[in-house]
Amino acid sequence: MKREIMTKEHPKDNIECKSDEHTKHLCYFVSYGYHINDGEGYKGLVEEPKFKCYFCGRTAHCAESLCKPMNL
């Protein structure tokens, strides 16, 4: 059930995100279960975070992994 909730909270088509690169953002990855299917790959994207997404609150090492990054 938790996966279903995450998908609804972070949809594949985030209407707030205006980037052509949305398919490279964490919220998009999570909506497809990337964090479950490739835990090590996901961990590499979020370890030692330097940025936080204004929309979803996720943190990431690179700004490119977020819809609207803010410095931490």
N, C-alpha and C. Protein backbone atom coordinates (compact mmCIF):
# COMPACT_ATOMS: atom_id res chain seq x y z
N MET A 1 0.82 -1.20 0.00
CA MET A 1 0.00 0.00 0.00
C MET A 1 0.86 1.26 0.00
N LYS A 2 1.98 1.23 0.69
CA LYS A 2 2.83 2.41 0.75
C LYS A 2 3.32 2.81 -0.65
N ARG A 3 3.65 1.84 -1.50
CA ARG A 3 4.08 2.16 -2.85
C ARG A 3 3.00 2.89 -3.62
N GLU A 4 1.77 2.47 -3.45
CA GLU A 4 0.65 3.12 -4.13
C GLU A 4 0.52 4.57 -3.69
N ILE A 5 0.71 4.82 -2.41
CA ILE A 5 0.63 6.18 -1.88
C ILE A 5 1.75 7.03 -2.46
N MET A 6 2.98 6.50 -2.50
CA MET A 6 4.10 7.25 -3.05
C MET A 6 3.84 7.62 -4.51
N THR A 7 3.29 6.71 -5.27
CA THR A 7 3.01 6.98 -6.67
C THR A 7 2.02 8.12 -6.81
N LYS A 8 1.01 8.15 -5.97
CA LYS A 8 0.01 9.21 -6.03
C LYS A 8 0.60 10.55 -5.60
N GLU A 9 1.49 10.53 -4.61
CA GLU A 9 2.09 11.76 -4.12
C GLU A 9 3.11 12.33 -5.10
N HIS A 10 3.78 11.46 -5.83
CA HIS A 10 4.84 11.88 -6.74
C HIS A 10 4.56 11.28 -8.12
N PRO A 11 3.61 11.85 -8.85
CA PRO A 11 3.20 11.27 -10.12
C PRO A 11 4.28 11.32 -11.19
N LYS A 12 4.15 10.44 -12.17
CA LYS A 12 5.08 10.41 -13.29
C LYS A 12 5.07 11.73 -14.03
N ASP A 13 3.91 12.34 -14.15
CA ASP A 13 3.77 13.61 -14.83
C ASP A 13 3.53 14.71 -13.80
N ASN A 14 4.58 15.20 -13.20
CA ASN A 14 4.50 16.25 -12.19
C ASN A 14 4.17 17.56 -12.90
N ILE A 15 2.96 18.04 -12.74
CA ILE A 15 2.54 19.25 -13.44
C ILE A 15 3.30 20.49 -12.97
N GLU A 16 3.89 20.42 -11.79
CA GLU A 16 4.67 21.55 -11.28
C GLU A 16 6.02 21.65 -11.98
N CYS A 17 6.55 20.53 -12.45
CA CYS A 17 7.87 20.51 -13.07
C CYS A 17 7.76 20.94 -14.53
N LYS A 18 8.47 21.99 -14.86
CA LYS A 18 8.44 22.53 -16.22
C LYS A 18 9.67 22.11 -17.04
N SER A 19 10.50 21.26 -16.47
CA SER A 19 11.74 20.85 -17.12
C SER A 19 11.50 19.78 -18.19
N ASP A 20 12.23 19.89 -19.29
CA ASP A 20 12.21 18.85 -20.31
C ASP A 20 12.95 17.60 -19.83
N GLU A 21 13.66 17.74 -18.72
CA GLU A 21 14.47 16.65 -18.16
C GLU A 21 13.77 15.94 -17.01
N HIS A 22 12.45 16.05 -16.91
CA HIS A 22 11.73 15.46 -15.77
C HIS A 22 11.98 13.96 -15.61
N THR A 23 12.21 13.27 -16.70
CA THR A 23 12.44 11.82 -16.63
C THR A 23 13.77 11.48 -15.96
N LYS A 24 14.55 12.50 -15.58
CA LYS A 24 15.82 12.28 -14.86
C LYS A 24 15.71 12.69 -13.40
N HIS A 25 14.50 13.01 -12.94
CA HIS A 25 14.31 13.48 -11.58
C HIS A 25 13.90 12.33 -10.64
N LEU A 26 14.26 12.47 -9.37
CA LEU A 26 13.98 11.42 -8.39
C LEU A 26 12.50 11.10 -8.26
N CYS A 27 11.64 12.09 -8.30
CA CYS A 27 10.20 11.81 -8.14
C CYS A 27 9.70 10.95 -9.30
N TYR A 28 10.24 11.14 -10.48
CA TYR A 28 9.88 10.31 -11.63
C TYR A 28 10.40 8.89 -11.43
N PHE A 29 11.66 8.78 -11.00
CA PHE A 29 12.25 7.45 -10.75
C PHE A 29 11.45 6.67 -9.72
N VAL A 30 11.11 7.33 -8.64
CA VAL A 30 10.38 6.66 -7.55
C VAL A 30 9.00 6.23 -8.02
N SER A 31 8.36 7.01 -8.87
CA SER A 31 7.03 6.63 -9.33
C SER A 31 7.07 5.34 -10.15
N TYR A 32 8.24 4.98 -10.64
CA TYR A 32 8.41 3.72 -11.37
C TYR A 32 9.05 2.63 -10.52
N GLY A 33 9.28 2.91 -9.23
CA GLY A 33 9.84 1.90 -8.33
C GLY A 33 11.35 1.74 -8.40
N TYR A 34 12.04 2.72 -8.95
CA TYR A 34 13.50 2.65 -9.07
C TYR A 34 14.17 2.43 -7.73
N HIS A 35 13.69 3.10 -6.69
CA HIS A 35 14.27 2.99 -5.36
C HIS A 35 14.15 1.57 -4.81
N ILE A 36 13.18 0.80 -5.30
CA ILE A 36 12.99 -0.58 -4.87
C ILE A 36 13.77 -1.53 -5.78
N ASN A 37 13.70 -1.30 -7.07
CA ASN A 37 14.32 -2.19 -8.05
C ASN A 37 15.83 -2.03 -8.15
N ASP A 38 16.36 -0.86 -7.84
CA ASP A 38 17.80 -0.63 -7.89
C ASP A 38 18.21 0.23 -6.71
N GLY A 39 18.15 -0.38 -5.54
CA GLY A 39 18.45 0.34 -4.31
C GLY A 39 19.82 0.97 -4.29
N GLU A 40 20.82 0.28 -4.81
CA GLU A 40 22.18 0.83 -4.82
C GLU A 40 22.28 2.03 -5.77
N GLY A 41 21.65 1.95 -6.92
CA GLY A 41 21.66 3.08 -7.86
C GLY A 41 20.97 4.30 -7.26
N TYR A 42 19.84 4.06 -6.60
CA TYR A 42 19.10 5.14 -5.96
C TYR A 42 19.94 5.75 -4.83
N LYS A 43 20.57 4.88 -4.06
CA LYS A 43 21.39 5.34 -2.96
C LYS A 43 22.50 6.28 -3.46
N GLY A 44 23.06 5.95 -4.61
CA GLY A 44 24.10 6.79 -5.19
C GLY A 44 23.61 8.19 -5.54
N LEU A 45 22.35 8.31 -5.86
CA LEU A 45 21.78 9.62 -6.21
C LEU A 45 21.46 10.48 -5.00
N VAL A 46 21.22 9.84 -3.86
CA VAL A 46 20.77 10.60 -2.69
C VAL A 46 21.81 10.70 -1.57
N GLU A 47 22.91 9.94 -1.69
CA GLU A 47 23.96 10.03 -0.66
C GLU A 47 24.61 11.41 -0.67
N GLU A 48 25.00 11.85 0.49
CA GLU A 48 25.64 13.15 0.66
C GLU A 48 24.86 14.25 -0.08
N PRO A 49 23.62 14.45 0.32
CA PRO A 49 22.77 15.42 -0.39
C PRO A 49 23.27 16.85 -0.24
N LYS A 50 23.14 17.59 -1.33
CA LYS A 50 23.50 19.00 -1.35
C LYS A 50 22.31 19.88 -1.73
N PHE A 51 21.23 19.22 -2.23
CA PHE A 51 20.06 19.94 -2.71
C PHE A 51 18.77 19.30 -2.21
N LYS A 52 17.73 20.11 -2.11
CA LYS A 52 16.40 19.66 -1.71
C LYS A 52 15.41 20.19 -2.74
N CYS A 53 14.44 19.36 -3.11
CA CYS A 53 13.42 19.78 -4.07
C CYS A 53 12.36 20.63 -3.38
N TYR A 54 12.08 21.76 -3.94
CA TYR A 54 11.07 22.67 -3.40
C TYR A 54 9.68 22.03 -3.43
N PHE A 55 9.40 21.20 -4.44
CA PHE A 55 8.08 20.59 -4.60
C PHE A 55 7.84 19.40 -3.68
N CYS A 56 8.75 18.42 -3.71
CA CYS A 56 8.47 17.16 -3.00
C CYS A 56 9.29 16.97 -1.73
N GLY A 57 10.33 17.77 -1.53
CA GLY A 57 11.14 17.67 -0.33
C GLY A 57 12.23 16.61 -0.40
N ARG A 58 12.35 15.90 -1.51
CA ARG A 58 13.41 14.90 -1.65
C ARG A 58 14.76 15.61 -1.67
N THR A 59 15.79 14.90 -1.23
CA THR A 59 17.14 15.44 -1.26
C THR A 59 17.99 14.61 -2.21
N ALA A 60 18.99 15.27 -2.81
CA ALA A 60 19.85 14.59 -3.77
C ALA A 60 21.23 15.22 -3.76
N HIS A 61 22.19 14.47 -4.26
CA HIS A 61 23.56 14.95 -4.36
C HIS A 61 23.69 15.99 -5.48
N CYS A 62 22.99 15.79 -6.60
CA CYS A 62 23.07 16.68 -7.76
C CYS A 62 21.74 17.42 -7.98
N ALA A 63 21.83 18.67 -8.31
CA ALA A 63 20.64 19.48 -8.58
C ALA A 63 19.83 18.92 -9.74
N GLU A 64 20.50 18.30 -10.70
CA GLU A 64 19.83 17.76 -11.89
C GLU A 64 18.87 16.64 -11.57
N SER A 65 18.96 16.07 -10.37
CA SER A 65 18.08 14.96 -9.97
C SER A 65 16.76 15.43 -9.38
N LEU A 66 16.54 16.74 -9.33
CA LEU A 66 15.35 17.29 -8.69
C LEU A 66 14.61 18.25 -9.62
N CYS A 67 13.31 18.36 -9.42
CA CYS A 67 12.48 19.25 -10.25
C CYS A 67 12.81 20.72 -10.02
N LYS A 68 12.85 21.11 -8.74
CA LYS A 68 13.14 22.51 -8.41
C LYS A 68 14.11 22.51 -7.22
N PRO A 69 15.41 22.35 -7.52
CA PRO A 69 16.40 22.23 -6.44
C PRO A 69 16.67 23.53 -5.71
N MET A 70 16.92 23.36 -4.41
CA MET A 70 17.36 24.46 -3.54
C MET A 70 18.59 23.95 -2.80
N ASN A 71 19.53 24.81 -2.53
CA ASN A 71 20.70 24.42 -1.74
C ASN A 71 20.27 24.03 -0.33
N LEU A 72 20.94 23.03 0.21
CA LEU A 72 20.69 22.65 1.61
C LEU A 72 21.54 23.52 2.52
